Amino acid sequence: MKKIIGKDIIPLLISIILLIISIGITSFTDYTLNYKHYIGIILIGISTLLYFKNKKVFVYIFVFTLILGITNLIDIYYSNIIFGIGPIKLNPIFLALLILFLVLSKESLNKMFPEKEITK
C-alpha cells in the first residue's frame, strides 16, 4: 500500500486552519475578507486537492502560493501581518510556512526531483 499522507502535509494543514479561523472570525465580527483572501482560499484549495492527486504538481503550486504570500500578494489570515525592510514588505506567516514545508518535505522532494537534490 502506498503511503499517501506524510509529515509534509503539516504546512498545508496549518494553512487550512488559518483559513478556517479567518472565515470564522469574519463571519462573526466586523472584519471583512478582500480579494487577497479569496485568491489565497482558492490557491490553498487547489493545493489541497493536488496533494492527494498529484504530489509533484502540488509542490509547484504550494510553493508558488507561499511565495505569493511572502511577497504580500495573497493572504490567508484575517489580520494582515507584514514586516518591511525598506520598500520590501514580507509576510512572516508565509515565510514560516515555506521554511517548515522545505524542512519537513526534504526527503520527498529528493525522491521527486533526484537531479536537484537538496543537501543536508
PDB file of N, CA and C in Angstrom:
ATOM      1  N   MET A   1       0.829  -1.176   0.000  1.00  0.00           N
ATOM      2  CA  MET A   1       0.000   0.000   0.000  1.00  0.00           C
ATOM      3  C   MET A   1       0.879   1.248   0.000  1.00  0.00           C
ATOM      4  N   LYS A   2       0.541   2.191  -0.836  1.00  0.00           N
ATOM      5  CA  LYS A   2       1.319   3.405  -0.968  1.00  0.00           C
ATOM      6  C   LYS A   2       0.948   4.406   0.133  1.00  0.00           C
ATOM      7  N   LYS A   3       1.955   4.968   0.751  1.00  0.00           N
ATOM      8  CA  LYS A   3       1.736   5.952   1.800  1.00  0.00           C
ATOM      9  C   LYS A   3       1.331   7.279   1.153  1.00  0.00           C
ATOM     10  N   ILE A   4       0.128   7.757   1.457  1.00  0.00           N
ATOM     11  CA  ILE A   4      -0.385   8.969   0.833  1.00  0.00           C
ATOM     12  C   ILE A   4      -0.113  10.199   1.691  1.00  0.00           C
ATOM     13  N   ILE A   5      -0.394  10.109   2.972  1.00  0.00           N
ATOM     14  CA  ILE A   5      -0.254  11.265   3.850  1.00  0.00           C
ATOM     15  C   ILE A   5       1.046  11.152   4.636  1.00  0.00           C
ATOM     16  N   GLY A   6       1.845  12.190   4.553  1.00  0.00           N
ATOM     17  CA  GLY A   6       3.112  12.221   5.280  1.00  0.00           C
ATOM     18  C   GLY A   6       3.207  13.485   6.106  1.00  0.00           C
ATOM     19  N   LYS A   7       4.381  13.683   6.679  1.00  0.00           N
ATOM     20  CA  LYS A   7       4.567  14.870   7.508  1.00  0.00           C
ATOM     21  C   LYS A   7       4.633  16.150   6.687  1.00  0.00           C
ATOM     22  N   ASP A   8       4.759  16.029   5.366  1.00  0.00           N
ATOM     23  CA  ASP A   8       4.798  17.209   4.516  1.00  0.00           C
ATOM     24  C   ASP A   8       3.444  17.893   4.379  1.00  0.00           C
ATOM     25  N   ILE A   9       2.391  17.285   4.945  1.00  0.00           N
ATOM     26  CA  ILE A   9       1.072  17.907   4.897  1.00  0.00           C
ATOM     27  C   ILE A   9       0.878  18.936   6.019  1.00  0.00           C
ATOM     28  N   ILE A  10       1.778  18.963   6.991  1.00  0.00           N
ATOM     29  CA  ILE A  10       1.626  19.845   8.151  1.00  0.00           C
ATOM     30  C   ILE A  10       1.529  21.326   7.749  1.00  0.00           C
ATOM     31  N   PRO A  11       2.388  21.859   6.867  1.00  0.00           N
ATOM     32  CA  PRO A  11       2.219  23.270   6.471  1.00  0.00           C
ATOM     33  C   PRO A  11       0.888  23.525   5.761  1.00  0.00           C
ATOM     34  N   LEU A  12       0.425  22.557   4.977  1.00  0.00           N
ATOM     35  CA  LEU A  12      -0.864  22.699   4.308  1.00  0.00           C
ATOM     36  C   LEU A  12      -1.997  22.701   5.332  1.00  0.00           C
ATOM     37  N   LEU A  13      -1.915  21.840   6.336  1.00  0.00           N
ATOM     38  CA  LEU A  13      -2.938  21.808   7.387  1.00  0.00           C
ATOM     39  C   LEU A  13      -2.945  23.103   8.190  1.00  0.00           C
ATOM     40  N   ILE A  14      -1.769  23.648   8.467  1.00  0.00           N
ATOM     41  CA  ILE A  14      -1.699  24.933   9.181  1.00  0.00           C
ATOM     42  C   ILE A  14      -2.362  26.026   8.345  1.00  0.00           C
ATOM     43  N   SER A  15      -2.135  26.005   7.035  1.00  0.00           N
ATOM     44  CA  SER A  15      -2.770  26.980   6.140  1.00  0.00           C
ATOM     45  C   SER A  15      -4.288  26.836   6.168  1.00  0.00           C
ATOM     46  N   ILE A  16      -4.768  25.601   6.140  1.00  0.00           N
ATOM     47  CA  ILE A  16      -6.213  25.355   6.169  1.00  0.00           C
ATOM     48  C   ILE A  16      -6.800  25.825   7.500  1.00  0.00           C
ATOM     49  N   ILE A  17      -6.104  25.564   8.598  1.00  0.00           N
ATOM     50  CA  ILE A  17      -6.583  26.009   9.914  1.00  0.00           C
ATOM     51  C   ILE A  17      -6.642  27.538   9.973  1.00  0.00           C
ATOM     52  N   LEU A  18      -5.634  28.214   9.432  1.00  0.00           N
ATOM     53  CA  LEU A  18      -5.646  29.679   9.406  1.00  0.00           C
ATOM     54  C   LEU A  18      -6.807  30.204   8.564  1.00  0.00           C
ATOM     55  N   LEU A  19      -7.095  29.525   7.450  1.00  0.00           N
ATOM     56  CA  LEU A  19      -8.238  29.919   6.621  1.00  0.00           C
ATOM     57  C   LEU A  19      -9.549  29.735   7.365  1.00  0.00           C
ATOM     58  N   ILE A  20      -9.710  28.617   8.061  1.00  0.00           N
ATOM     59  CA  ILE A  20     -10.943  28.355   8.810  1.00  0.00           C
ATOM     60  C   ILE A  20     -11.115  29.387   9.922  1.00  0.00           C
ATOM     61  N   ILE A  21     -10.024  29.717  10.621  1.00  0.00           N
ATOM     62  CA  ILE A  21     -10.082  30.749  11.660  1.00  0.00           C
ATOM     63  C   ILE A  21     -10.494  32.085  11.048  1.00  0.00           C
ATOM     64  N   SER A  22      -9.908  32.431   9.921  1.00  0.00           N
ATOM     65  CA  SER A  22     -10.216  33.699   9.265  1.00  0.00           C
ATOM     66  C   SER A  22     -11.675  33.767   8.839  1.00  0.00           C
ATOM     67  N   ILE A  23     -12.173  32.694   8.241  1.00  0.00           N
ATOM     68  CA  ILE A  23     -13.568  32.675   7.805  1.00  0.00           C
ATOM     69  C   ILE A  23     -14.498  32.748   9.014  1.00  0.00           C
ATOM     70  N   GLY A  24     -14.159  32.046  10.083  1.00  0.00           N
ATOM     71  CA  GLY A  24     -14.973  32.090  11.298  1.00  0.00           C
ATOM     72  C   GLY A  24     -15.001  33.464  11.918  1.00  0.00           C
ATOM     73  N   ILE A  25     -13.844  34.100  12.030  1.00  0.00           N
ATOM     74  CA  ILE A  25     -13.783  35.428  12.646  1.00  0.00           C
ATOM     75  C   ILE A  25     -14.501  36.460  11.790  1.00  0.00           C
ATOM     76  N   THR A  26     -14.334  36.397  10.484  1.00  0.00           N
ATOM     77  CA  THR A  26     -15.003  37.383   9.631  1.00  0.00           C
ATOM     78  C   THR A  26     -16.509  37.145   9.569  1.00  0.00           C
ATOM     79  N   SER A  27     -16.944  35.936   9.857  1.00  0.00           N
ATOM     80  CA  SER A  27     -18.382  35.661   9.865  1.00  0.00           C
ATOM     81  C   SER A  27     -19.066  36.282  11.077  1.00  0.00           C
ATOM     82  N   PHE A  28     -18.358  36.389  12.197  1.00  0.00           N
ATOM     83  CA  PHE A  28     -18.974  36.837  13.443  1.00  0.00           C
ATOM     84  C   PHE A  28     -18.499  38.199  13.929  1.00  0.00           C
ATOM     85  N   THR A  29     -17.632  38.851  13.185  1.00  0.00           N
ATOM     86  CA  THR A  29     -17.147  40.170  13.593  1.00  0.00           C
ATOM     87  C   THR A  29     -17.257  41.139  12.423  1.00  0.00           C
ATOM     88  N   ASP A  30     -16.689  42.326  12.598  1.00  0.00           N
ATOM     89  CA  ASP A  30     -16.737  43.350  11.558  1.00  0.00           C
ATOM     90  C   ASP A  30     -15.609  43.237  10.537  1.00  0.00           C
ATOM     91  N   TYR A  31     -14.710  42.278  10.718  1.00  0.00           N
ATOM     92  CA  TYR A  31     -13.639  42.096   9.742  1.00  0.00           C
ATOM     93  C   TYR A  31     -14.226  41.642   8.409  1.00  0.00           C
ATOM     94  N   THR A  32     -13.584  42.024   7.329  1.00  0.00           N
ATOM     95  CA  THR A  32     -14.021  41.586   6.000  1.00  0.00           C
ATOM     96  C   THR A  32     -12.838  40.986   5.252  1.00  0.00           C
ATOM     97  N   LEU A  33     -13.146  40.040   4.394  1.00  0.00           N
ATOM     98  CA  LEU A  33     -12.126  39.441   3.534  1.00  0.00           C
ATOM     99  C   LEU A  33     -12.055  40.251   2.249  1.00  0.00           C
ATOM    100  N   ASN A  34     -10.850  40.407   1.698  1.00  0.00           N
ATOM    101  CA  ASN A  34     -10.702  41.119   0.435  1.00  0.00           C
ATOM    102  C   ASN A  34     -10.233  40.138  -0.649  1.00  0.00           C
ATOM    103  N   TYR A  35      -9.907  40.663  -1.802  1.00  0.00           N
ATOM    104  CA  TYR A  35      -9.523  39.818  -2.928  1.00  0.00           C
ATOM    105  C   TYR A  35      -8.288  38.969  -2.617  1.00  0.00           C
ATOM    106  N   LYS A  36      -7.367  39.471  -1.785  1.00  0.00           N
ATOM    107  CA  LYS A  36      -6.175  38.700  -1.436  1.00  0.00           C
ATOM    108  C   LYS A  36      -6.551  37.422  -0.689  1.00  0.00           C
ATOM    109  N   HIS A  37      -7.553  37.524   0.173  1.00  0.00           N
ATOM    110  CA  HIS A  37      -8.002  36.361   0.925  1.00  0.00           C
ATOM    111  C   HIS A  37      -8.684  35.345   0.006  1.00  0.00           C
ATOM    112  N   TYR A  38      -9.501  35.840  -0.911  1.00  0.00           N
ATOM    113  CA  TYR A  38     -10.203  34.930  -1.811  1.00  0.00           C
ATOM    114  C   TYR A  38      -9.238  34.192  -2.739  1.00  0.00           C
ATOM    115  N   ILE A  39      -8.225  34.887  -3.224  1.00  0.00           N
ATOM    116  CA  ILE A  39      -7.207  34.227  -4.047  1.00  0.00           C
ATOM    117  C   ILE A  39      -6.447  33.198  -3.208  1.00  0.00           C
ATOM    118  N   GLY A  40      -6.137  33.551  -1.962  1.00  0.00           N
ATOM    119  CA  GLY A  40      -5.474  32.613  -1.058  1.00  0.00           C
ATOM    120  C   GLY A  40      -6.321  31.381  -0.793  1.00  0.00           C
ATOM    121  N   ILE A  41      -7.623  31.570  -0.594  1.00  0.00           N
ATOM    122  CA  ILE A  41      -8.534  30.440  -0.374  1.00  0.00           C
ATOM    123  C   ILE A  41      -8.541  29.521  -1.586  1.00  0.00           C
ATOM    124  N   ILE A  42      -8.613  30.108  -2.767  1.00  0.00           N
ATOM    125  CA  ILE A  42      -8.636  29.305  -4.000  1.00  0.00           C
ATOM    126  C   ILE A  42      -7.325  28.526  -4.167  1.00  0.00           C
ATOM    127  N   LEU A  43      -6.191  29.184  -3.974  1.00  0.00           N
ATOM    128  CA  LEU A  43      -4.899  28.510  -4.161  1.00  0.00           C
ATOM    129  C   LEU A  43      -4.659  27.420  -3.111  1.00  0.00           C
ATOM    130  N   ILE A  44      -5.059  27.655  -1.871  1.00  0.00           N
ATOM    131  CA  ILE A  44      -4.915  26.621  -0.841  1.00  0.00           C
ATOM    132  C   ILE A  44      -5.857  25.458  -1.142  1.00  0.00           C
ATOM    133  N   GLY A  45      -7.057  25.750  -1.641  1.00  0.00           N
ATOM    134  CA  GLY A  45      -7.987  24.685  -2.039  1.00  0.00           C
ATOM    135  C   GLY A  45      -7.431  23.834  -3.168  1.00  0.00           C
ATOM    136  N   ILE A  46      -6.851  24.485  -4.170  1.00  0.00           N
ATOM    137  CA  ILE A  46      -6.228  23.755  -5.283  1.00  0.00           C
ATOM    138  C   ILE A  46      -5.057  22.924  -4.774  1.00  0.00           C
ATOM    139  N   SER A  47      -4.255  23.487  -3.889  1.00  0.00           N
ATOM    140  CA  SER A  47      -3.114  22.754  -3.326  1.00  0.00           C
ATOM    141  C   SER A  47      -3.578  21.534  -2.541  1.00  0.00           C
ATOM    142  N   THR A  48      -4.676  21.673  -1.804  1.00  0.00           N
ATOM    143  CA  THR A  48      -5.206  20.548  -1.038  1.00  0.00           C
ATOM    144  C   THR A  48      -5.646  19.413  -1.958  1.00  0.00           C
ATOM    145  N   LEU A  49      -6.341  19.756  -3.027  1.00  0.00           N
ATOM    146  CA  LEU A  49      -6.751  18.718  -3.978  1.00  0.00           C
ATOM    147  C   LEU A  49      -5.549  18.055  -4.643  1.00  0.00           C
ATOM    148  N   LEU A  50      -4.572  18.863  -5.013  1.00  0.00           N
ATOM    149  CA  LEU A  50      -3.385  18.321  -5.688  1.00  0.00           C
ATOM    150  C   LEU A  50      -2.524  17.475  -4.765  1.00  0.00           C
ATOM    151  N   TYR A  51      -2.586  17.714  -3.459  1.00  0.00           N
ATOM    152  CA  TYR A  51      -1.809  16.908  -2.524  1.00  0.00           C
ATOM    153  C   TYR A  51      -2.186  15.436  -2.649  1.00  0.00           C
ATOM    154  N   PHE A  52      -3.456  15.173  -2.853  1.00  0.00           N
ATOM    155  CA  PHE A  52      -3.924  13.792  -2.938  1.00  0.00           C
ATOM    156  C   PHE A  52      -3.931  13.257  -4.369  1.00  0.00           C
ATOM    157  N   LYS A  53      -3.937  14.133  -5.362  1.00  0.00           N
ATOM    158  CA  LYS A  53      -3.999  13.695  -6.762  1.00  0.00           C
ATOM    159  C   LYS A  53      -2.632  13.614  -7.435  1.00  0.00           C
ATOM    160  N   ASN A  54      -1.818  14.649  -7.259  1.00  0.00           N
ATOM    161  CA  ASN A  54      -0.538  14.724  -7.971  1.00  0.00           C
ATOM    162  C   ASN A  54       0.460  15.499  -7.106  1.00  0.00           C
ATOM    163  N   LYS A  55       1.321  14.768  -6.410  1.00  0.00           N
ATOM    164  CA  LYS A  55       2.246  15.389  -5.449  1.00  0.00           C
ATOM    165  C   LYS A  55       3.235  16.342  -6.117  1.00  0.00           C
ATOM    166  N   LYS A  56       3.686  16.003  -7.327  1.00  0.00           N
ATOM    167  CA  LYS A  56       4.685  16.839  -7.976  1.00  0.00           C
ATOM    168  C   LYS A  56       4.100  18.209  -8.337  1.00  0.00           C
ATOM    169  N   VAL A  57       2.901  18.222  -8.863  1.00  0.00           N
ATOM    170  CA  VAL A  57       2.251  19.498  -9.182  1.00  0.00           C
ATOM    171  C   VAL A  57       1.885  20.234  -7.900  1.00  0.00           C
ATOM    172  N   PHE A  58       1.519  19.481  -6.849  1.00  0.00           N
ATOM    173  CA  PHE A  58       1.224  20.091  -5.555  1.00  0.00           C
ATOM    174  C   PHE A  58       2.411  20.908  -5.053  1.00  0.00           C
ATOM    175  N   VAL A  59       3.602  20.360  -5.172  1.00  0.00           N
ATOM    176  CA  VAL A  59       4.798  21.063  -4.693  1.00  0.00           C
ATOM    177  C   VAL A  59       4.942  22.391  -5.426  1.00  0.00           C
ATOM    178  N   TYR A  60       4.788  22.379  -6.742  1.00  0.00           N
ATOM    179  CA  TYR A  60       4.918  23.613  -7.513  1.00  0.00           C
ATOM    180  C   TYR A  60       3.861  24.643  -7.112  1.00  0.00           C
ATOM    181  N   ILE A  61       2.611  24.224  -7.046  1.00  0.00           N
ATOM    182  CA  ILE A  61       1.517  25.149  -6.737  1.00  0.00           C
ATOM    183  C   ILE A  61       1.614  25.664  -5.304  1.00  0.00           C
ATOM    184  N   PHE A  62       1.935  24.779  -4.343  1.00  0.00           N
ATOM    185  CA  PHE A  62       2.002  25.203  -2.951  1.00  0.00           C
ATOM    186  C   PHE A  62       3.175  26.154  -2.719  1.00  0.00           C
ATOM    187  N   VAL A  63       4.316  25.864  -3.308  1.00  0.00           N
ATOM    188  CA  VAL A  63       5.465  26.775  -3.165  1.00  0.00           C
ATOM    189  C   VAL A  63       5.154  28.113  -3.844  1.00  0.00           C
ATOM    190  N   PHE A  64       4.501  28.068  -4.994  1.00  0.00           N
ATOM    191  CA  PHE A  64       4.080  29.298  -5.679  1.00  0.00           C
ATOM    192  C   PHE A  64       3.130  30.103  -4.795  1.00  0.00           C
ATOM    193  N   THR A  65       2.192  29.417  -4.148  1.00  0.00           N
ATOM    194  CA  THR A  65       1.257  30.068  -3.231  1.00  0.00           C
ATOM    195  C   THR A  65       1.995  30.709  -2.067  1.00  0.00           C
ATOM    196  N   LEU A  66       2.952  29.999  -1.501  1.00  0.00           N
ATOM    197  CA  LEU A  66       3.705  30.534  -0.371  1.00  0.00           C
ATOM    198  C   LEU A  66       4.555  31.734  -0.778  1.00  0.00           C
ATOM    199  N   ILE A  67       5.129  31.688  -1.969  1.00  0.00           N
ATOM    200  CA  ILE A  67       5.931  32.825  -2.448  1.00  0.00           C
ATOM    201  C   ILE A  67       5.042  34.046  -2.685  1.00  0.00           C
ATOM    202  N   LEU A  68       3.849  33.816  -3.251  1.00  0.00           N
ATOM    203  CA  LEU A  68       2.909  34.934  -3.410  1.00  0.00           C
ATOM    204  C   LEU A  68       2.526  35.512  -2.055  1.00  0.00           C
ATOM    205  N   GLY A  69       2.382  34.652  -1.061  1.00  0.00           N
ATOM    206  CA  GLY A  69       2.051  35.118   0.281  1.00  0.00           C
ATOM    207  C   GLY A  69       3.189  35.861   0.948  1.00  0.00           C
ATOM    208  N   ILE A  70       4.411  35.382   0.751  1.00  0.00           N
ATOM    209  CA  ILE A  70       5.574  36.060   1.339  1.00  0.00           C
ATOM    210  C   ILE A  70       5.682  37.484   0.798  1.00  0.00           C
ATOM    211  N   THR A  71       5.422  37.655  -0.483  1.00  0.00           N
ATOM    212  CA  THR A  71       5.513  38.983  -1.101  1.00  0.00           C
ATOM    213  C   THR A  71       4.248  39.811  -0.890  1.00  0.00           C
ATOM    214  N   ASN A  72       3.320  39.305  -0.081  1.00  0.00           N
ATOM    215  CA  ASN A  72       2.097  40.006   0.307  1.00  0.00           C
ATOM    216  C   ASN A  72       1.133  40.244  -0.853  1.00  0.00           C
ATOM    217  N   LEU A  73       1.125  39.337  -1.835  1.00  0.00           N
ATOM    218  CA  LEU A  73       0.169  39.427  -2.927  1.00  0.00           C
ATOM    219  C   LEU A  73      -1.123  38.674  -2.619  1.00  0.00           C
ATOM    220  N   ILE A  74      -1.053  37.681  -1.719  1.00  0.00           N
ATOM    221  CA  ILE A  74      -2.241  36.973  -1.247  1.00  0.00           C
ATOM    222  C   ILE A  74      -2.166  36.889   0.271  1.00  0.00           C
ATOM    223  N   ASP A  75      -3.278  36.481   0.886  1.00  0.00           N
ATOM    224  CA  ASP A  75      -3.300  36.358   2.336  1.00  0.00           C
ATOM    225  C   ASP A  75      -4.260  35.251   2.721  1.00  0.00           C
ATOM    226  N   ILE A  76      -4.007  34.611   3.858  1.00  0.00           N
ATOM    227  CA  ILE A  76      -4.905  33.568   4.343  1.00  0.00           C
ATOM    228  C   ILE A  76      -5.390  33.837   5.754  1.00  0.00           C
ATOM    229  N   TYR A  77      -4.840  34.841   6.401  1.00  0.00           N
ATOM    230  CA  TYR A  77      -5.228  35.144   7.768  1.00  0.00           C
ATOM    231  C   TYR A  77      -5.981  36.470   7.773  1.00  0.00           C
ATOM    232  N   TYR A  78      -7.000  36.580   8.605  1.00  0.00           N
ATOM    233  CA  TYR A  78      -7.860  37.766   8.581  1.00  0.00           C
ATOM    234  C   TYR A  78      -7.107  39.051   8.898  1.00  0.00           C
ATOM    235  N   SER A  79      -6.072  38.956   9.694  1.00  0.00           N
ATOM    236  CA  SER A  79      -5.260  40.113  10.035  1.00  0.00           C
ATOM    237  C   SER A  79      -3.998  40.082   9.178  1.00  0.00           C
ATOM    238  N   ASN A  80      -3.733  41.177   8.503  1.00  0.00           N
ATOM    239  CA  ASN A  80      -2.583  41.237   7.615  1.00  0.00           C
ATOM    240  C   ASN A  80      -1.337  41.564   8.427  1.00  0.00           C
ATOM    241  N   ILE A  81      -0.488  40.578   8.618  1.00  0.00           N
ATOM    242  CA  ILE A  81       0.738  40.736   9.387  1.00  0.00           C
ATOM    243  C   ILE A  81       1.894  40.836   8.394  1.00  0.00           C
ATOM    244  N   ILE A  82       2.561  41.988   8.375  1.00  0.00           N
ATOM    245  CA  ILE A  82       3.702  42.160   7.470  1.00  0.00           C
ATOM    246  C   ILE A  82       4.813  42.897   8.223  1.00  0.00           C
ATOM    247  N   PHE A  83       6.026  42.682   7.764  1.00  0.00           N
ATOM    248  CA  PHE A  83       7.143  43.488   8.236  1.00  0.00           C
ATOM    249  C   PHE A  83       7.926  43.920   7.014  1.00  0.00           C
ATOM    250  N   GLY A  84       8.558  45.049   7.125  1.00  0.00           N
ATOM    251  CA  GLY A  84       9.230  45.601   5.971  1.00  0.00           C
ATOM    252  C   GLY A  84      10.687  45.888   6.214  1.00  0.00           C
ATOM    253  N   ILE A  85      11.439  45.721   5.156  1.00  0.00           N
ATOM    254  CA  ILE A  85      12.839  46.102   5.130  1.00  0.00           C
ATOM    255  C   ILE A  85      12.950  47.087   3.973  1.00  0.00           C
ATOM    256  N   GLY A  86      12.867  48.356   4.283  1.00  0.00           N
ATOM    257  CA  GLY A  86      12.823  49.358   3.231  1.00  0.00           C
ATOM    258  C   GLY A  86      11.506  49.248   2.484  1.00  0.00           C
ATOM    259  N   PRO A  87      11.572  49.237   1.158  1.00  0.00           N
ATOM    260  CA  PRO A  87      10.326  49.132   0.380  1.00  0.00           C
ATOM    261  C   PRO A  87       9.803  47.688   0.254  1.00  0.00           C
ATOM    262  N   ILE A  88      10.568  46.727   0.741  1.00  0.00           N
ATOM    263  CA  ILE A  88      10.183  45.314   0.628  1.00  0.00           C
ATOM    264  C   ILE A  88       9.323  44.931   1.823  1.00  0.00           C
ATOM    265  N   LYS A  89       8.104  44.468   1.563  1.00  0.00           N
ATOM    266  CA  LYS A  89       7.186  44.031   2.611  1.00  0.00           C
ATOM    267  C   LYS A  89       7.063  42.516   2.562  1.00  0.00           C
ATOM    268  N   LEU A  90       7.268  41.851   3.703  1.00  0.00           N
ATOM    269  CA  LEU A  90       7.213  40.392   3.772  1.00  0.00           C
ATOM    270  C   LEU A  90       6.184  39.952   4.804  1.00  0.00           C
ATOM    271  N   ASN A  91       5.551  38.817   4.541  1.00  0.00           N
ATOM    272  CA  ASN A  91       4.572  38.242   5.449  1.00  0.00           C
ATOM    273  C   ASN A  91       5.231  37.087   6.207  1.00  0.00           C
ATOM    274  N   PRO A  92       5.415  37.213   7.520  1.00  0.00           N
ATOM    275  CA  PRO A  92       6.135  36.182   8.275  1.00  0.00           C
ATOM    276  C   PRO A  92       5.378  34.854   8.385  1.00  0.00           C
ATOM    277  N   ILE A  93       4.058  34.878   8.259  1.00  0.00           N
ATOM    278  CA  ILE A  93       3.290  33.622   8.316  1.00  0.00           C
ATOM    279  C   ILE A  93       3.681  32.730   7.144  1.00  0.00           C
ATOM    280  N   PHE A  94       3.678  33.297   5.951  1.00  0.00           N
ATOM    281  CA  PHE A  94       4.029  32.519   4.768  1.00  0.00           C
ATOM    282  C   PHE A  94       5.505  32.133   4.760  1.00  0.00           C
ATOM    283  N   LEU A  95       6.355  33.001   5.274  1.00  0.00           N
ATOM    284  CA  LEU A  95       7.776  32.688   5.352  1.00  0.00           C
ATOM    285  C   LEU A  95       8.010  31.490   6.263  1.00  0.00           C
ATOM    286  N   ALA A  96       7.343  31.475   7.413  1.00  0.00           N
ATOM    287  CA  ALA A  96       7.462  30.338   8.333  1.00  0.00           C
ATOM    288  C   ALA A  96       6.894  29.066   7.714  1.00  0.00           C
ATOM    289  N   LEU A  97       5.768  29.180   6.984  1.00  0.00           N
ATOM    290  CA  LEU A  97       5.188  28.003   6.330  1.00  0.00           C
ATOM    291  C   LEU A  97       6.114  27.450   5.246  1.00  0.00           C
ATOM    292  N   LEU A  98       6.776  28.330   4.487  1.00  0.00           N
ATOM    293  CA  LEU A  98       7.705  27.867   3.453  1.00  0.00           C
ATOM    294  C   LEU A  98       8.903  27.161   4.061  1.00  0.00           C
ATOM    295  N   ILE A  99       9.463  27.725   5.111  1.00  0.00           N
ATOM    296  CA  ILE A  99      10.604  27.084   5.780  1.00  0.00           C
ATOM    297  C   ILE A  99      10.192  25.740   6.348  1.00  0.00           C
ATOM    298  N   LEU A 100       9.026  25.688   6.997  1.00  0.00           N
ATOM    299  CA  LEU A 100       8.518  24.437   7.559  1.00  0.00           C
ATOM    300  C   LEU A 100       8.276  23.405   6.466  1.00  0.00           C
ATOM    301  N   PHE A 101       7.719  23.835   5.336  1.00  0.00           N
ATOM    302  CA  PHE A 101       7.468  22.928   4.218  1.00  0.00           C
ATOM    303  C   PHE A 101       8.772  22.347   3.670  1.00  0.00           C
ATOM    304  N   LEU A 102       9.781  23.196   3.487  1.00  0.00           N
ATOM    305  CA  LEU A 102      11.050  22.716   2.944  1.00  0.00           C
ATOM    306  C   LEU A 102      11.762  21.775   3.914  1.00  0.00           C
ATOM    307  N   VAL A 103      11.670  22.043   5.206  1.00  0.00           N
ATOM    308  CA  VAL A 103      12.312  21.182   6.200  1.00  0.00           C
ATOM    309  C   VAL A 103      11.609  19.831   6.283  1.00  0.00           C
ATOM    310  N   LEU A 104      10.280  19.841   6.339  1.00  0.00           N
ATOM    311  CA  LEU A 104       9.538  18.596   6.525  1.00  0.00           C
ATOM    312  C   LEU A 104       9.466  17.728   5.268  1.00  0.00           C
ATOM    313  N   SER A 105       9.595  18.326   4.103  1.00  0.00           N
ATOM    314  CA  SER A 105       9.455  17.531   2.889  1.00  0.00           C
ATOM    315  C   SER A 105      10.772  17.379   2.130  1.00  0.00           C
ATOM    316  N   LYS A 106      11.888  17.499   2.831  1.00  0.00           N
ATOM    317  CA  LYS A 106      13.196  17.363   2.188  1.00  0.00           C
ATOM    318  C   LYS A 106      13.367  15.987   1.549  1.00  0.00           C
ATOM    319  N   GLU A 107      12.980  14.933   2.266  1.00  0.00           N
ATOM    320  CA  GLU A 107      13.132  13.566   1.738  1.00  0.00           C
ATOM    321  C   GLU A 107      12.251  13.334   0.521  1.00  0.00           C
ATOM    322  N   SER A 108      11.006  13.753   0.596  1.00  0.00           N
ATOM    323  CA  SER A 108      10.102  13.530  -0.541  1.00  0.00           C
ATOM    324  C   SER A 108      10.491  14.405  -1.727  1.00  0.00           C
ATOM    325  N   LEU A 109      11.021  15.601  -1.482  1.00  0.00           N
ATOM    326  CA  LEU A 109      11.494  16.435  -2.586  1.00  0.00           C
ATOM    327  C   LEU A 109      12.692  15.799  -3.277  1.00  0.00           C
ATOM    328  N   ASN A 110      13.587  15.180  -2.501  1.00  0.00           N
ATOM    329  CA  ASN A 110      14.728  14.493  -3.101  1.00  0.00           C
ATOM    330  C   ASN A 110      14.283  13.304  -3.946  1.00  0.00           C
ATOM    331  N   LYS A 111      13.218  12.611  -3.549  1.00  0.00           N
ATOM    332  CA  LYS A 111      12.698  11.492  -4.341  1.00  0.00           C
ATOM    333  C   LYS A 111      12.018  11.977  -5.612  1.00  0.00           C
ATOM    334  N   MET A 112      11.261  13.080  -5.501  1.00  0.00           N
ATOM    335  CA  MET A 112      10.537  13.598  -6.660  1.00  0.00           C
ATOM    336  C   MET A 112      11.473  14.268  -7.673  1.00  0.00           C
ATOM    337  N   PHE A 113      12.488  14.939  -7.176  1.00  0.00           N
ATOM    338  CA  PHE A 113      13.417  15.666  -8.031  1.00  0.00           C
ATOM    339  C   PHE A 113      14.853  15.189  -7.757  1.00  0.00           C
ATOM    340  N   PRO A 114      15.214  13.977  -8.196  1.00  0.00           N
ATOM    341  CA  PRO A 114      16.526  13.450  -7.846  1.00  0.00           C
ATOM    342  C   PRO A 114      17.693  14.203  -8.484  1.00  0.00           C
ATOM    343  N   GLU A 115      17.466  14.868  -9.625  1.00  0.00           N
ATOM    344  CA  GLU A 115      18.556  15.593 -10.271  1.00  0.00           C
ATOM    345  C   GLU A 115      18.893  16.890  -9.552  1.00  0.00           C
ATOM    346  N   LYS A 116      17.997  17.397  -8.717  1.00  0.00           N
ATOM    347  CA  LYS A 116      18.220  18.622  -7.967  1.00  0.00           C
ATOM    348  C   LYS A 116      18.106  18.311  -6.485  1.00  0.00           C
ATOM    349  N   GLU A 117      18.989  17.488  -5.986  1.00  0.00           N
ATOM    350  CA  GLU A 117      18.885  17.004  -4.611  1.00  0.00           C
ATOM    351  C   GLU A 117      19.191  18.121  -3.622  1.00  0.00           C
ATOM    352  N   ILE A 118      18.352  18.214  -2.608  1.00  0.00           N
ATOM    353  CA  ILE A 118      18.541  19.177  -1.529  1.00  0.00           C
ATOM    354  C   ILE A 118      19.561  18.617  -0.565  1.00  0.00           C
ATOM    355  N   THR A 119      20.577  19.398  -0.294  1.00  0.00           N
ATOM    356  CA  THR A 119      21.641  18.920   0.591  1.00  0.00           C
ATOM    357  C   THR A 119      21.221  18.960   2.040  1.00  0.00           C
ATOM    358  N   LYS A 120      21.950  18.221   2.870  1.00  0.00           N
ATOM    359  CA  LYS A 120      21.617  18.132   4.292  1.00  0.00           C
ATOM    360  C   LYS A 120      22.083  19.308   5.064  1.00  0.00           C
TER     361      LYS A 120
END
